[in-house]
Amino acid sequence: MTTLQTDPKAQQQPPEKAEKSVSSPAQTAQAKVETRPEPKFQRKESPKAVLRVTPTAWAKLLYFRDRGETEIGGFGVTARDDLLLVEDFVTVRQKVTMASVSFDDEAVADFFESQVDAGRKPEQFARLWLHSHPGESPQPSAVDEETFDRVFGRCEWAVMFVIGRGGKTYARLRFNVGPKGEAVIPVELDYGRQFGPTDHEAWQEEYLSNIKADTWFSSFGDSKAGAAAKEAGGVMADDWLDAFEAMDPEDRRFVIDELASRPDLWDESEAMPW
């Protein structure tokens, strides 16, 4: 009886290993590629937009807000490398009431020219509209929305910022190009950049030169109510209903919308605007 001599190592070798041992280098490389784990990609969220203000610019904004019982408006001047970092708050000649701000066109043009002469680009000084409300609420009024659309609607992007008497703020970033869109963004006080000292004397001089307080009803321009207010030097509380009835329908709708969006104008705890 003939017995077959076999190699013990060959008997112990698993079939699959024996098969791999005869695989070509190309097949071995392909096998490694197929068994390589898929890479894991981690999605990174885009940084959230934040409107930041230096302490000096913030102090000046509060100084102007608290100087009277009217709204105050101005432009935020930003850093060259960070267009959402307000380094200065600058006002121009304006007529203000408890419910509105009206910039002088010539003063705005002069401001823009001075900023260009200083080496700044328009996106550094003409995109951030900052203004205050004499009441607690910083929510934009109907007049604010109309102004934001009319004045800043053609800019690639713009920000409307409002601060109330108690310190509450509101900021909205709007894009007017591409798919367009807007979002309410947070506001922060930034101590991370260099900032200068307060200068109350210069701020007072700027306030007296640029801010002209007007009676509330005179902001209606050449309407019947506005003309009556100018002739009388203002509208007394007992006469406001007569002035309201004398308004054109468009002006009357303006007042109704403003009172609806600004309870601080008619709440008993606040001074009446007339």
Protein backbone atom coordinates (compact mmCIF):
# COMPACT_ATOMS: atom_id res chain seq x y z
CA MET A 1 0.00 0.00 0.00
CA THR A 2 1.43 3.19 -1.10
CA THR A 3 1.17 6.24 1.13
CA LEU A 4 1.30 9.80 -0.15
CA GLN A 5 3.87 12.05 1.49
CA THR A 6 2.46 15.52 2.11
CA ASP A 7 3.98 18.63 3.60
CA PRO A 8 2.44 19.32 7.05
CA LYS A 9 2.75 23.11 6.54
CA ALA A 10 0.79 22.86 3.35
CA GLN A 11 -2.01 20.97 5.11
CA GLN A 12 -2.25 23.65 7.83
CA GLN A 13 -2.38 26.57 5.35
CA PRO A 14 -5.97 27.83 4.92
CA PRO A 15 -7.28 27.63 1.40
CA GLU A 16 -7.78 31.39 1.13
CA LYS A 17 -4.17 32.05 2.09
CA ALA A 18 -2.99 29.58 -0.44
CA GLU A 19 -5.09 31.42 -3.00
CA LYS A 20 -3.64 34.78 -2.01
CA SER A 21 -0.15 33.42 -2.20
CA VAL A 22 -0.53 33.01 -5.90
CA SER A 23 -2.16 36.41 -6.46
CA SER A 24 -0.41 38.88 -8.68
CA PRO A 25 0.94 42.19 -7.29
CA ALA A 26 -1.79 44.05 -9.18
CA GLN A 27 -4.53 41.96 -7.59
CA THR A 28 -3.01 42.48 -4.13
CA ALA A 29 -2.96 46.28 -4.60
CA GLN A 30 -6.56 46.26 -5.82
CA ALA A 31 -7.62 44.26 -2.78
CA LYS A 32 -6.01 46.82 -0.46
CA VAL A 33 -7.84 49.64 -2.22
CA GLU A 34 -11.19 47.89 -1.94
CA THR A 35 -10.75 47.18 1.79
CA ARG A 36 -9.51 50.70 2.67
CA PRO A 37 -12.10 52.46 4.89
CA GLU A 38 -14.01 55.39 3.43
CA PRO A 39 -12.71 58.78 4.64
CA LYS A 40 -14.97 60.65 7.05
CA PHE A 41 -15.64 64.25 6.14
CA GLN A 42 -16.58 66.62 8.96
CA ARG A 43 -18.82 69.52 8.08
CA LYS A 44 -17.77 72.81 9.59
CA GLU A 45 -20.43 75.39 10.28
CA SER A 46 -19.88 78.85 8.82
CA PRO A 47 -19.02 81.50 11.42
CA LYS A 48 -22.10 83.44 12.47
CA ALA A 49 -22.21 87.13 11.59
CA VAL A 50 -21.97 89.41 14.62
CA LEU A 51 -22.09 93.21 14.72
CA ARG A 52 -19.31 94.29 17.05
CA VAL A 53 -18.75 97.79 18.46
CA THR A 54 -15.61 99.20 20.10
CA PRO A 55 -16.09 100.73 23.57
CA THR A 56 -15.39 104.27 22.32
CA ALA A 57 -17.93 104.04 19.50
CA TRP A 58 -20.44 102.54 21.93
CA ALA A 59 -19.89 105.33 24.47
CA LYS A 60 -20.44 107.98 21.79
CA LEU A 61 -23.61 106.27 20.60
CA LEU A 62 -25.02 106.24 24.14
CA TYR A 63 -23.99 109.88 24.65
CA PHE A 64 -26.01 110.97 21.62
CA ARG A 65 -28.94 108.73 22.53
CA ASP A 66 -29.23 110.20 26.02
CA ARG A 67 -28.81 113.87 25.08
CA GLY A 68 -32.50 114.38 24.29
CA GLU A 69 -35.91 112.76 23.90
CA THR A 70 -35.69 112.18 20.15
CA GLU A 71 -34.28 109.65 17.77
CA ILE A 72 -30.66 110.12 16.70
CA GLY A 73 -29.18 108.68 13.52
CA GLY A 74 -25.71 108.23 12.06
CA PHE A 75 -23.31 105.97 10.20
CA GLY A 76 -21.08 103.27 11.58
CA VAL A 77 -17.46 103.56 10.39
CA THR A 78 -15.86 100.12 10.35
CA ALA A 79 -12.40 98.57 10.29
CA ARG A 80 -10.85 97.94 6.88
CA ASP A 81 -10.34 94.24 7.59
CA ASP A 82 -13.64 93.70 9.44
CA LEU A 83 -16.70 95.37 7.97
CA LEU A 84 -18.89 94.40 10.93
CA LEU A 85 -16.62 96.01 13.53
CA VAL A 86 -17.80 99.57 14.25
CA GLU A 87 -14.89 101.78 15.25
CA ASP A 88 -16.74 105.11 15.18
CA PHE A 89 -20.27 106.51 15.19
CA VAL A 90 -20.58 109.62 13.03
CA THR A 91 -23.60 111.89 12.69
CA VAL A 92 -24.50 114.40 9.97
CA ARG A 93 -26.88 117.35 10.01
CA GLN A 94 -30.36 116.00 10.62
CA LYS A 95 -33.86 116.89 11.77
CA VAL A 96 -35.09 114.56 14.47
CA THR A 97 -38.35 113.90 16.28
CA MET A 98 -39.52 111.21 18.67
CA ALA A 99 -40.47 109.10 15.66
CA SER A 100 -38.14 109.97 12.80
CA VAL A 101 -34.70 111.03 11.58
CA SER A 102 -34.18 113.02 8.38
CA PHE A 103 -30.61 113.48 7.13
CA ASP A 104 -29.58 116.57 5.20
CA ASP A 105 -28.61 115.41 1.69
CA GLU A 106 -25.75 117.88 1.33
CA ALA A 107 -24.37 116.87 4.73
CA VAL A 108 -24.43 113.20 3.73
CA ALA A 109 -22.54 114.02 0.52
CA ASP A 110 -19.93 115.98 2.49
CA PHE A 111 -19.53 113.08 4.92
CA PHE A 112 -19.02 110.58 2.10
CA GLU A 113 -16.43 112.85 0.47
CA SER A 114 -14.51 113.26 3.72
CA GLN A 115 -14.42 109.50 4.26
CA VAL A 116 -13.10 108.88 0.75
CA ASP A 117 -10.44 111.55 1.30
CA ALA A 118 -9.45 109.67 4.45
CA GLY A 119 -8.77 106.57 2.35
CA ARG A 120 -11.86 104.56 3.27
CA LYS A 121 -14.03 102.58 0.89
CA PRO A 122 -17.85 102.98 0.77
CA GLU A 123 -18.41 99.62 2.45
CA GLN A 124 -16.56 100.99 5.50
CA PHE A 125 -18.78 104.02 6.06
CA ALA A 126 -21.98 103.77 4.01
CA ARG A 127 -23.41 100.35 4.85
CA LEU A 128 -24.21 100.55 8.58
CA TRP A 129 -27.15 102.72 9.57
CA LEU A 130 -27.17 103.25 13.34
CA HIS A 131 -29.93 105.08 15.19
CA SER A 132 -31.59 105.27 18.59
CA HIS A 133 -35.17 105.17 19.84
CA PRO A 134 -36.27 107.41 22.71
CA GLY A 135 -38.35 104.55 24.17
CA GLU A 136 -37.38 101.14 25.51
CA SER A 137 -38.16 99.15 22.37
CA PRO A 138 -35.48 98.80 19.67
CA GLN A 139 -37.84 97.15 17.21
CA PRO A 140 -37.80 98.97 13.83
CA SER A 141 -40.83 101.13 13.14
CA ALA A 142 -42.72 101.42 9.86
CA VAL A 143 -40.68 104.55 9.10
CA ASP A 144 -37.43 102.69 9.83
CA GLU A 145 -38.36 99.91 7.41
CA GLU A 146 -39.31 102.38 4.68
CA THR A 147 -36.06 104.30 5.13
CA PHE A 148 -33.96 101.12 5.11
CA ASP A 149 -35.59 100.00 1.86
CA ARG A 150 -35.38 103.40 0.17
CA VAL A 151 -31.88 104.47 1.19
CA PHE A 152 -30.02 101.18 1.49
CA GLY A 153 -32.01 98.96 -0.86
CA ARG A 154 -29.52 99.37 -3.73
CA CYS A 155 -26.42 98.52 -1.68
CA GLU A 156 -24.94 95.06 -2.06
CA TRP A 157 -25.45 94.65 1.67
CA ALA A 158 -26.41 96.85 4.60
CA VAL A 159 -27.14 96.72 8.33
CA MET A 160 -29.90 98.48 10.26
CA PHE A 161 -29.05 98.88 13.95
CA VAL A 162 -31.39 100.29 16.60
CA ILE A 163 -30.75 100.87 20.29
CA GLY A 164 -33.47 101.66 22.81
CA ARG A 165 -33.33 103.83 25.88
CA GLY A 166 -32.82 100.89 28.23
CA GLY A 167 -29.94 99.39 26.25
CA LYS A 168 -31.79 96.75 24.24
CA THR A 169 -30.52 96.48 20.66
CA TYR A 170 -31.67 95.22 17.29
CA ALA A 171 -29.47 94.56 14.24
CA ARG A 172 -30.44 93.13 10.87
CA LEU A 173 -28.07 92.26 8.05
CA ARG A 174 -29.54 92.35 4.55
CA PHE A 175 -28.11 91.19 1.22
CA ASN A 176 -29.61 92.85 -1.85
CA VAL A 177 -27.73 90.89 -4.54
CA GLY A 178 -27.65 87.26 -5.64
CA PRO A 179 -30.30 85.13 -3.94
CA LYS A 180 -30.83 88.00 -1.47
CA GLY A 181 -31.83 87.51 2.13
CA GLU A 182 -31.61 88.99 5.59
CA ALA A 183 -31.12 87.86 9.17
CA VAL A 184 -31.21 89.35 12.65
CA ILE A 185 -27.68 89.22 14.06
CA PRO A 186 -26.33 89.61 17.60
CA VAL A 187 -24.53 92.73 18.85
CA GLU A 188 -21.41 92.58 21.00
CA LEU A 189 -19.09 95.07 22.67
CA ASP A 190 -15.55 94.27 21.49
CA TYR A 191 -12.57 95.05 23.70
CA GLY A 192 -10.17 93.09 21.50
CA ARG A 193 -9.21 96.01 19.25
CA GLN A 194 -7.49 99.25 20.15
CA PHE A 195 -9.85 102.07 21.04
CA GLY A 196 -9.42 105.65 22.11
CA PRO A 197 -10.72 107.65 25.09
CA THR A 198 -14.07 109.41 25.33
CA ASP A 199 -14.24 113.02 24.18
CA HIS A 200 -17.39 114.63 25.56
CA GLU A 201 -16.42 118.13 24.44
CA ALA A 202 -16.07 117.07 20.80
CA TRP A 203 -19.23 114.97 20.99
CA GLN A 204 -21.19 117.89 22.44
CA GLU A 205 -19.97 120.17 19.66
CA GLU A 206 -20.98 117.57 17.06
CA TYR A 207 -24.40 117.17 18.67
CA LEU A 208 -25.12 120.90 18.73
CA SER A 209 -23.93 121.29 15.12
CA ASN A 210 -25.82 118.35 13.61
CA ILE A 211 -28.93 117.58 15.67
CA LYS A 212 -32.00 119.77 15.21
CA ALA A 213 -35.00 118.64 17.22
CA ASP A 214 -38.36 119.24 15.57
CA THR A 215 -41.98 118.80 16.60
CA TRP A 216 -43.40 115.41 15.73
CA PHE A 217 -46.18 116.60 13.42
CA SER A 218 -43.91 118.97 11.52
CA SER A 219 -42.15 115.89 10.12
CA PHE A 220 -45.11 115.50 7.75
CA GLY A 221 -43.62 118.11 5.48
CA ASP A 222 -46.03 120.18 3.38
CA SER A 223 -49.19 118.32 4.47
CA LYS A 224 -52.03 120.19 6.18
CA ALA A 225 -50.98 118.87 9.58
CA GLY A 226 -47.36 119.84 9.02
CA ALA A 227 -48.29 123.36 7.90
CA ALA A 228 -50.60 123.83 10.86
CA ALA A 229 -47.89 122.64 13.25
CA LYS A 230 -45.34 125.05 11.81
CA GLU A 231 -47.74 128.01 12.05
CA ALA A 232 -48.63 127.20 15.64
CA GLY A 233 -45.04 126.44 16.60
CA GLY A 234 -46.01 122.91 17.52
CA VAL A 235 -49.13 120.92 18.37
CA MET A 236 -50.48 120.99 21.89
CA ALA A 237 -52.00 117.88 23.44
CA ASP A 238 -55.53 119.33 23.32
CA ASP A 239 -55.24 120.15 19.62
CA TRP A 240 -53.73 116.94 18.26
CA LEU A 241 -57.08 115.44 17.26
CA ASP A 242 -57.83 118.47 15.10
CA ALA A 243 -54.42 118.13 13.48
CA PHE A 244 -54.99 114.41 12.97
CA GLU A 245 -58.32 115.02 11.24
CA ALA A 246 -56.72 117.68 9.01
CA MET A 247 -54.14 115.24 7.65
CA ASP A 248 -54.17 113.75 4.21
CA PRO A 249 -55.17 110.05 4.21
CA GLU A 250 -51.58 109.02 3.52
CA ASP A 251 -50.25 111.02 6.48
CA ARG A 252 -52.99 109.67 8.71
CA ARG A 253 -52.06 106.12 7.78
CA PHE A 254 -48.44 106.96 8.60
CA VAL A 255 -49.40 108.03 12.12
CA ILE A 256 -51.54 104.94 12.70
CA ASP A 257 -48.77 102.60 11.55
CA GLU A 258 -46.22 104.44 13.67
CA LEU A 259 -48.35 104.25 16.80
CA ALA A 260 -49.00 100.56 16.20
CA SER A 261 -45.30 99.71 15.88
CA ARG A 262 -44.03 102.12 18.57
CA PRO A 263 -46.02 101.75 21.82
CA ASP A 264 -43.40 103.88 23.53
CA LEU A 265 -44.91 106.88 21.72
CA TRP A 266 -48.29 106.59 23.39
CA ASP A 267 -47.71 104.60 26.57
CA GLU A 268 -48.67 106.60 29.65
CA SER A 269 -45.19 106.15 31.11
CA GLU A 270 -43.63 108.01 28.17
CA ALA A 271 -43.87 111.66 27.22
CA MET A 272 -46.42 112.33 24.48
CA PRO A 273 -44.89 113.43 21.19
CA TRP A 274 -47.06 116.48 20.72
